[in-house]
Amino acid sequence: MYKKIAVEDGLTNVVQELHTAGFHTMPLEDDPLRNVSAIVVKGDGTDILAEEAQFHVPVIHASGRSAEEVVEILRDRLS
């Protein structure tokens, strides 16, 4: 079964790399966020998840990481 990843707006390169790696993505800004396996945020100091604290999935900060690094982190955390 595929893994669905919610990705914050503006991380186009990460979305493309996730698709290449076989993940499905959805915008983090979509409501409601259900059945996601992980969340990828920019990690640039903004707290887009302040109201989303109830999620019990990995949250990956993309700041300072390549798209490939984000995919590898997700593979490790979701395996």
PDB file of N, CA and C in Angstrom:
ATOM      1  N   MET A   1       0.834  -1.186   0.000  1.00  0.00           N
ATOM      2  CA  MET A   1       0.000   0.000   0.000  1.00  0.00           C
ATOM      3  C   MET A   1       0.876   1.246   0.000  1.00  0.00           C
ATOM      4  N   TYR A   2       0.442   2.251  -0.716  1.00  0.00           N
ATOM      5  CA  TYR A   2       1.216   3.474  -0.808  1.00  0.00           C
ATOM      6  C   TYR A   2       1.111   4.287   0.475  1.00  0.00           C
ATOM      7  N   LYS A   3       2.048   5.176   0.666  1.00  0.00           N
ATOM      8  CA  LYS A   3       2.043   6.082   1.810  1.00  0.00           C
ATOM      9  C   LYS A   3       1.651   7.466   1.315  1.00  0.00           C
ATOM     10  N   LYS A   4       0.733   8.116   2.032  1.00  0.00           N
ATOM     11  CA  LYS A   4       0.313   9.463   1.675  1.00  0.00           C
ATOM     12  C   LYS A   4       1.011  10.450   2.611  1.00  0.00           C
ATOM     13  N   ILE A   5       1.661  11.446   2.005  1.00  0.00           N
ATOM     14  CA  ILE A   5       2.433  12.427   2.751  1.00  0.00           C
ATOM     15  C   ILE A   5       1.816  13.804   2.536  1.00  0.00           C
ATOM     16  N   ALA A   6       1.547  14.521   3.609  1.00  0.00           N
ATOM     17  CA  ALA A   6       1.066  15.900   3.513  1.00  0.00           C
ATOM     18  C   ALA A   6       2.289  16.812   3.444  1.00  0.00           C
ATOM     19  N   VAL A   7       2.310  17.702   2.452  1.00  0.00           N
ATOM     20  CA  VAL A   7       3.484  18.557   2.222  1.00  0.00           C
ATOM     21  C   VAL A   7       3.055  20.019   2.220  1.00  0.00           C
ATOM     22  N   GLU A   8       3.782  20.833   2.974  1.00  0.00           N
ATOM     23  CA  GLU A   8       3.490  22.268   3.045  1.00  0.00           C
ATOM     24  C   GLU A   8       3.699  22.920   1.679  1.00  0.00           C
ATOM     25  N   ASP A   9       2.866  23.887   1.372  1.00  0.00           N
ATOM     26  CA  ASP A   9       2.946  24.621   0.113  1.00  0.00           C
ATOM     27  C   ASP A   9       4.332  25.239  -0.054  1.00  0.00           C
ATOM     28  N   GLY A  10       4.863  25.172  -1.261  1.00  0.00           N
ATOM     29  CA  GLY A  10       6.162  25.759  -1.559  1.00  0.00           C
ATOM     30  C   GLY A  10       7.302  24.760  -1.627  1.00  0.00           C
ATOM     31  N   LEU A  11       7.025  23.508  -1.371  1.00  0.00           N
ATOM     32  CA  LEU A  11       8.066  22.473  -1.406  1.00  0.00           C
ATOM     33  C   LEU A  11       7.913  21.598  -2.646  1.00  0.00           C
ATOM     34  N   THR A  12       7.843  22.241  -3.792  1.00  0.00           N
ATOM     35  CA  THR A  12       7.612  21.550  -5.058  1.00  0.00           C
ATOM     36  C   THR A  12       8.671  20.497  -5.339  1.00  0.00           C
ATOM     37  N   ASN A  13       9.923  20.816  -5.063  1.00  0.00           N
ATOM     38  CA  ASN A  13      10.995  19.852  -5.322  1.00  0.00           C
ATOM     39  C   ASN A  13      10.838  18.604  -4.456  1.00  0.00           C
ATOM     40  N   VAL A  14      10.369  18.780  -3.226  1.00  0.00           N
ATOM     41  CA  VAL A  14      10.147  17.633  -2.335  1.00  0.00           C
ATOM     42  C   VAL A  14       8.982  16.794  -2.860  1.00  0.00           C
ATOM     43  N   VAL A  15       7.906  17.445  -3.298  1.00  0.00           N
ATOM     44  CA  VAL A  15       6.753  16.724  -3.849  1.00  0.00           C
ATOM     45  C   VAL A  15       7.184  15.890  -5.052  1.00  0.00           C
ATOM     46  N   GLN A  16       7.963  16.487  -5.952  1.00  0.00           N
ATOM     47  CA  GLN A  16       8.424  15.759  -7.136  1.00  0.00           C
ATOM     48  C   GLN A  16       9.269  14.553  -6.749  1.00  0.00           C
ATOM     49  N   GLU A  17      10.148  14.722  -5.795  1.00  0.00           N
ATOM     50  CA  GLU A  17      11.011  13.618  -5.360  1.00  0.00           C
ATOM     51  C   GLU A  17      10.193  12.521  -4.675  1.00  0.00           C
ATOM     52  N   LEU A  18       9.195  12.912  -3.894  1.00  0.00           N
ATOM     53  CA  LEU A  18       8.325  11.924  -3.254  1.00  0.00           C
ATOM     54  C   LEU A  18       7.563  11.111  -4.290  1.00  0.00           C
ATOM     55  N   HIS A  19       7.057  11.778  -5.325  1.00  0.00           N
ATOM     56  CA  HIS A  19       6.342  11.055  -6.395  1.00  0.00           C
ATOM     57  C   HIS A  19       7.283  10.081  -7.096  1.00  0.00           C
ATOM     58  N   THR A  20       8.498  10.516  -7.368  1.00  0.00           N
ATOM     59  CA  THR A  20       9.490   9.648  -8.007  1.00  0.00           C
ATOM     60  C   THR A  20       9.769   8.414  -7.150  1.00  0.00           C
ATOM     61  N   ALA A  21       9.743   8.601  -5.819  1.00  0.00           N
ATOM     62  CA  ALA A  21      10.030   7.501  -4.896  1.00  0.00           C
ATOM     63  C   ALA A  21       8.803   6.625  -4.623  1.00  0.00           C
ATOM     64  N   GLY A  22       7.651   6.962  -5.234  1.00  0.00           N
ATOM     65  CA  GLY A  22       6.469   6.127  -5.083  1.00  0.00           C
ATOM     66  C   GLY A  22       5.490   6.561  -4.005  1.00  0.00           C
ATOM     67  N   PHE A  23       5.717   7.704  -3.394  1.00  0.00           N
ATOM     68  CA  PHE A  23       4.784   8.222  -2.392  1.00  0.00           C
ATOM     69  C   PHE A  23       3.678   9.019  -3.076  1.00  0.00           C
ATOM     70  N   HIS A  24       2.541   9.099  -2.434  1.00  0.00           N
ATOM     71  CA  HIS A  24       1.468   9.990  -2.859  1.00  0.00           C
ATOM     72  C   HIS A  24       1.512  11.196  -1.941  1.00  0.00           C
ATOM     73  N   THR A  25       1.161  12.363  -2.465  1.00  0.00           N
ATOM     74  CA  THR A  25       1.202  13.567  -1.650  1.00  0.00           C
ATOM     75  C   THR A  25      -0.134  14.289  -1.690  1.00  0.00           C
ATOM     76  N   MET A  26      -0.311  15.131  -0.693  1.00  0.00           N
ATOM     77  CA  MET A  26      -1.460  16.040  -0.657  1.00  0.00           C
ATOM     78  C   MET A  26      -0.988  17.325  -0.004  1.00  0.00           C
ATOM     79  N   PRO A  27      -1.623  18.438  -0.335  1.00  0.00           N
ATOM     80  CA  PRO A  27      -1.230  19.699   0.300  1.00  0.00           C
ATOM     81  C   PRO A  27      -1.513  19.671   1.797  1.00  0.00           C
ATOM     82  N   LEU A  28      -0.569  20.149   2.569  1.00  0.00           N
ATOM     83  CA  LEU A  28      -0.739  20.219   4.014  1.00  0.00           C
ATOM     84  C   LEU A  28      -1.921  21.110   4.359  1.00  0.00           C
ATOM     85  N   GLU A  29      -2.170  22.088   3.523  1.00  0.00           N
ATOM     86  CA  GLU A  29      -3.225  23.050   3.784  1.00  0.00           C
ATOM     87  C   GLU A  29      -4.632  22.478   3.545  1.00  0.00           C
ATOM     88  N   ASP A  30      -4.730  21.283   2.942  1.00  0.00           N
ATOM     89  CA  ASP A  30      -6.035  20.658   2.724  1.00  0.00           C
ATOM     90  C   ASP A  30      -6.677  20.314   4.068  1.00  0.00           C
ATOM     91  N   ASP A  31      -7.987  20.356   4.096  1.00  0.00           N
ATOM     92  CA  ASP A  31      -8.695  20.031   5.312  1.00  0.00           C
ATOM     93  C   ASP A  31      -9.787  19.035   4.960  1.00  0.00           C
ATOM     94  N   PRO A  32      -9.951  17.960   5.628  1.00  0.00           N
ATOM     95  CA  PRO A  32      -9.152  17.553   6.777  1.00  0.00           C
ATOM     96  C   PRO A  32      -7.954  16.713   6.352  1.00  0.00           C
ATOM     97  N   LEU A  33      -6.972  16.685   7.199  1.00  0.00           N
ATOM     98  CA  LEU A  33      -5.798  15.831   6.965  1.00  0.00           C
ATOM     99  C   LEU A  33      -6.079  14.493   7.631  1.00  0.00           C
ATOM    100  N   ARG A  34      -6.430  13.529   6.826  1.00  0.00           N
ATOM    101  CA  ARG A  34      -6.709  12.197   7.380  1.00  0.00           C
ATOM    102  C   ARG A  34      -5.921  11.161   6.608  1.00  0.00           C
ATOM    103  N   ASN A  35      -5.566  10.132   7.319  1.00  0.00           N
ATOM    104  CA  ASN A  35      -4.885   8.989   6.712  1.00  0.00           C
ATOM    105  C   ASN A  35      -3.553   9.363   6.077  1.00  0.00           C
ATOM    106  N   VAL A  36      -2.867  10.338   6.647  1.00  0.00           N
ATOM    107  CA  VAL A  36      -1.526  10.632   6.155  1.00  0.00           C
ATOM    108  C   VAL A  36      -0.525   9.871   7.017  1.00  0.00           C
ATOM    109  N   SER A  37       0.562   9.461   6.390  1.00  0.00           N
ATOM    110  CA  SER A  37       1.594   8.706   7.094  1.00  0.00           C
ATOM    111  C   SER A  37       2.652   9.610   7.704  1.00  0.00           C
ATOM    112  N   ALA A  38       2.797  10.824   7.144  1.00  0.00           N
ATOM    113  CA  ALA A  38       3.782  11.774   7.641  1.00  0.00           C
ATOM    114  C   ALA A  38       3.442  13.158   7.105  1.00  0.00           C
ATOM    115  N   ILE A  39       4.107  14.164   7.675  1.00  0.00           N
ATOM    116  CA  ILE A  39       3.923  15.555   7.264  1.00  0.00           C
ATOM    117  C   ILE A  39       5.297  16.149   7.012  1.00  0.00           C
ATOM    118  N   VAL A  40       5.426  16.891   5.904  1.00  0.00           N
ATOM    119  CA  VAL A  40       6.674  17.590   5.600  1.00  0.00           C
ATOM    120  C   VAL A  40       6.385  19.087   5.631  1.00  0.00           C
ATOM    121  N   VAL A  41       7.150  19.811   6.452  1.00  0.00           N
ATOM    122  CA  VAL A  41       7.004  21.261   6.553  1.00  0.00           C
ATOM    123  C   VAL A  41       8.306  21.925   6.159  1.00  0.00           C
ATOM    124  N   LYS A  42       8.209  23.206   5.855  1.00  0.00           N
ATOM    125  CA  LYS A  42       9.410  23.955   5.477  1.00  0.00           C
ATOM    126  C   LYS A  42      10.404  23.997   6.622  1.00  0.00           C
ATOM    127  N   GLY A  43       9.909  24.158   7.830  1.00  0.00           N
ATOM    128  CA  GLY A  43      10.812  24.206   8.976  1.00  0.00           C
ATOM    129  C   GLY A  43      11.594  25.492   9.038  1.00  0.00           C
ATOM    130  N   ASP A  44      10.995  26.559   8.515  1.00  0.00           N
ATOM    131  CA  ASP A  44      11.692  27.846   8.454  1.00  0.00           C
ATOM    132  C   ASP A  44      11.303  28.775   9.594  1.00  0.00           C
ATOM    133  N   GLY A  45      10.756  28.217  10.661  1.00  0.00           N
ATOM    134  CA  GLY A  45      10.391  29.027  11.812  1.00  0.00           C
ATOM    135  C   GLY A  45       8.901  29.286  11.920  1.00  0.00           C
ATOM    136  N   THR A  46       8.164  29.102  10.844  1.00  0.00           N
ATOM    137  CA  THR A  46       6.719  29.264  10.923  1.00  0.00           C
ATOM    138  C   THR A  46       6.133  28.021  11.566  1.00  0.00           C
ATOM    139  N   ASP A  47       5.053  28.178  12.287  1.00  0.00           N
ATOM    140  CA  ASP A  47       4.452  27.048  12.990  1.00  0.00           C
ATOM    141  C   ASP A  47       3.087  26.738  12.414  1.00  0.00           C
ATOM    142  N   ILE A  48       3.086  26.212  11.192  1.00  0.00           N
ATOM    143  CA  ILE A  48       1.832  25.905  10.506  1.00  0.00           C
ATOM    144  C   ILE A  48       1.049  24.812  11.225  1.00  0.00           C
ATOM    145  N   LEU A  49       1.716  24.011  12.046  1.00  0.00           N
ATOM    146  CA  LEU A  49       1.052  22.895  12.711  1.00  0.00           C
ATOM    147  C   LEU A  49       0.583  23.229  14.120  1.00  0.00           C
ATOM    148  N   ALA A  50       0.565  24.493  14.496  1.00  0.00           N
ATOM    149  CA  ALA A  50       0.182  24.873  15.856  1.00  0.00           C
ATOM    150  C   ALA A  50      -1.182  24.300  16.235  1.00  0.00           C
ATOM    151  N   GLU A  51      -2.122  24.323  15.304  1.00  0.00           N
ATOM    152  CA  GLU A  51      -3.452  23.808  15.591  1.00  0.00           C
ATOM    153  C   GLU A  51      -3.563  22.316  15.272  1.00  0.00           C
ATOM    154  N   GLU A  52      -2.529  21.725  14.739  1.00  0.00           N
ATOM    155  CA  GLU A  52      -2.573  20.332  14.302  1.00  0.00           C
ATOM    156  C   GLU A  52      -1.833  19.407  15.262  1.00  0.00           C
ATOM    157  N   ALA A  53      -1.705  19.811  16.504  1.00  0.00           N
ATOM    158  CA  ALA A  53      -0.901  19.054  17.468  1.00  0.00           C
ATOM    159  C   ALA A  53      -1.438  17.649  17.725  1.00  0.00           C
ATOM    160  N   GLN A  54      -2.658  17.386  17.326  1.00  0.00           N
ATOM    161  CA  GLN A  54      -3.253  16.077  17.592  1.00  0.00           C
ATOM    162  C   GLN A  54      -2.729  14.984  16.673  1.00  0.00           C
ATOM    163  N   PHE A  55      -1.948  15.324  15.662  1.00  0.00           N
ATOM    164  CA  PHE A  55      -1.438  14.306  14.752  1.00  0.00           C
ATOM    165  C   PHE A  55      -0.329  13.508  15.403  1.00  0.00           C
ATOM    166  N   HIS A  56      -0.377  12.215  15.194  1.00  0.00           N
ATOM    167  CA  HIS A  56       0.627  11.322  15.766  1.00  0.00           C
ATOM    168  C   HIS A  56       1.399  10.652  14.640  1.00  0.00           C
ATOM    169  N   VAL A  57       1.929  11.475  13.749  1.00  0.00           N
ATOM    170  CA  VAL A  57       2.724  10.989  12.624  1.00  0.00           C
ATOM    171  C   VAL A  57       4.023  11.778  12.609  1.00  0.00           C
ATOM    172  N   PRO A  58       5.051  11.258  11.958  1.00  0.00           N
ATOM    173  CA  PRO A  58       6.308  12.000  11.876  1.00  0.00           C
ATOM    174  C   PRO A  58       6.127  13.337  11.152  1.00  0.00           C
ATOM    175  N   VAL A  59       6.772  14.364  11.681  1.00  0.00           N
ATOM    176  CA  VAL A  59       6.805  15.678  11.036  1.00  0.00           C
ATOM    177  C   VAL A  59       8.257  15.939  10.653  1.00  0.00           C
ATOM    178  N   ILE A  60       8.499  16.069   9.351  1.00  0.00           N
ATOM    179  CA  ILE A  60       9.849  16.257   8.831  1.00  0.00           C
ATOM    180  C   ILE A  60      10.031  17.721   8.463  1.00  0.00           C
ATOM    181  N   HIS A  61      11.098  18.329   8.957  1.00  0.00           N
ATOM    182  CA  HIS A  61      11.429  19.710   8.610  1.00  0.00           C
ATOM    183  C   HIS A  61      12.390  19.679   7.423  1.00  0.00           C
ATOM    184  N   ALA A  62      11.987  20.307   6.317  1.00  0.00           N
ATOM    185  CA  ALA A  62      12.771  20.262   5.087  1.00  0.00           C
ATOM    186  C   ALA A  62      13.874  21.311   5.038  1.00  0.00           C
ATOM    187  N   SER A  63      13.816  22.290   5.918  1.00  0.00           N
ATOM    188  CA  SER A  63      14.808  23.366   5.893  1.00  0.00           C
ATOM    189  C   SER A  63      16.228  22.816   6.033  1.00  0.00           C
ATOM    190  N   GLY A  64      17.092  23.205   5.108  1.00  0.00           N
ATOM    191  CA  GLY A  64      18.484  22.771   5.145  1.00  0.00           C
ATOM    192  C   GLY A  64      18.714  21.365   4.618  1.00  0.00           C
ATOM    193  N   ARG A  65      17.689  20.745   4.071  1.00  0.00           N
ATOM    194  CA  ARG A  65      17.819  19.386   3.545  1.00  0.00           C
ATOM    195  C   ARG A  65      17.453  19.362   2.073  1.00  0.00           C
ATOM    196  N   SER A  66      18.088  18.473   1.342  1.00  0.00           N
ATOM    197  CA  SER A  66      17.716  18.280  -0.058  1.00  0.00           C
ATOM    198  C   SER A  66      16.446  17.443  -0.111  1.00  0.00           C
ATOM    199  N   ALA A  67      15.784  17.461  -1.253  1.00  0.00           N
ATOM    200  CA  ALA A  67      14.581  16.645  -1.437  1.00  0.00           C
ATOM    201  C   ALA A  67      14.911  15.166  -1.243  1.00  0.00           C
ATOM    202  N   GLU A  68      16.083  14.744  -1.694  1.00  0.00           N
ATOM    203  CA  GLU A  68      16.498  13.354  -1.542  1.00  0.00           C
ATOM    204  C   GLU A  68      16.664  12.990  -0.067  1.00  0.00           C
ATOM    205  N   GLU A  69      17.216  13.913   0.719  1.00  0.00           N
ATOM    206  CA  GLU A  69      17.372  13.663   2.156  1.00  0.00           C
ATOM    207  C   GLU A  69      16.020  13.508   2.838  1.00  0.00           C
ATOM    208  N   VAL A  70      15.050  14.334   2.449  1.00  0.00           N
ATOM    209  CA  VAL A  70      13.708  14.243   3.025  1.00  0.00           C
ATOM    210  C   VAL A  70      13.107  12.872   2.728  1.00  0.00           C
ATOM    211  N   VAL A  71      13.255  12.401   1.495  1.00  0.00           N
ATOM    212  CA  VAL A  71      12.729  11.083   1.126  1.00  0.00           C
ATOM    213  C   VAL A  71      13.398   9.990   1.951  1.00  0.00           C
ATOM    214  N   GLU A  72      14.696  10.056   2.121  1.00  0.00           N
ATOM    215  CA  GLU A  72      15.413   9.041   2.902  1.00  0.00           C
ATOM    216  C   GLU A  72      14.957   9.044   4.357  1.00  0.00           C
ATOM    217  N   ILE A  73      14.751  10.223   4.934  1.00  0.00           N
ATOM    218  CA  ILE A  73      14.271  10.319   6.310  1.00  0.00           C
ATOM    219  C   ILE A  73      12.884   9.678   6.408  1.00  0.00           C
ATOM    220  N   LEU A  74      12.027   9.962   5.448  1.00  0.00           N
ATOM    221  CA  LEU A  74      10.688   9.360   5.459  1.00  0.00           C
ATOM    222  C   LEU A  74      10.752   7.847   5.342  1.00  0.00           C
ATOM    223  N   ARG A  75      11.599   7.358   4.471  1.00  0.00           N
ATOM    224  CA  ARG A  75      11.738   5.905   4.339  1.00  0.00           C
ATOM    225  C   ARG A  75      12.170   5.272   5.664  1.00  0.00           C
ATOM    226  N   ASP A  76      13.129   5.904   6.323  1.00  0.00           N
ATOM    227  CA  ASP A  76      13.600   5.387   7.607  1.00  0.00           C
ATOM    228  C   ASP A  76      12.508   5.407   8.664  1.00  0.00           C
ATOM    229  N   ARG A  77      11.788   6.507   8.753  1.00  0.00           N
ATOM    230  CA  ARG A  77      10.773   6.661   9.801  1.00  0.00           C
ATOM    231  C   ARG A  77       9.524   5.822   9.553  1.00  0.00           C
ATOM    232  N   LEU A  78       9.248   5.524   8.286  1.00  0.00           N
ATOM    233  CA  LEU A  78       8.012   4.800   7.960  1.00  0.00           C
ATOM    234  C   LEU A  78       8.232   3.306   7.752  1.00  0.00           C
ATOM    235  N   SER A  79       9.473   2.862   7.871  1.00  0.00           N
ATOM    236  CA  SER A  79       9.738   1.435   7.644  1.00  0.00           C
ATOM    237  C   SER A  79       9.521   0.617   8.894  1.00  0.00           C
TER     238      SER A  79
END
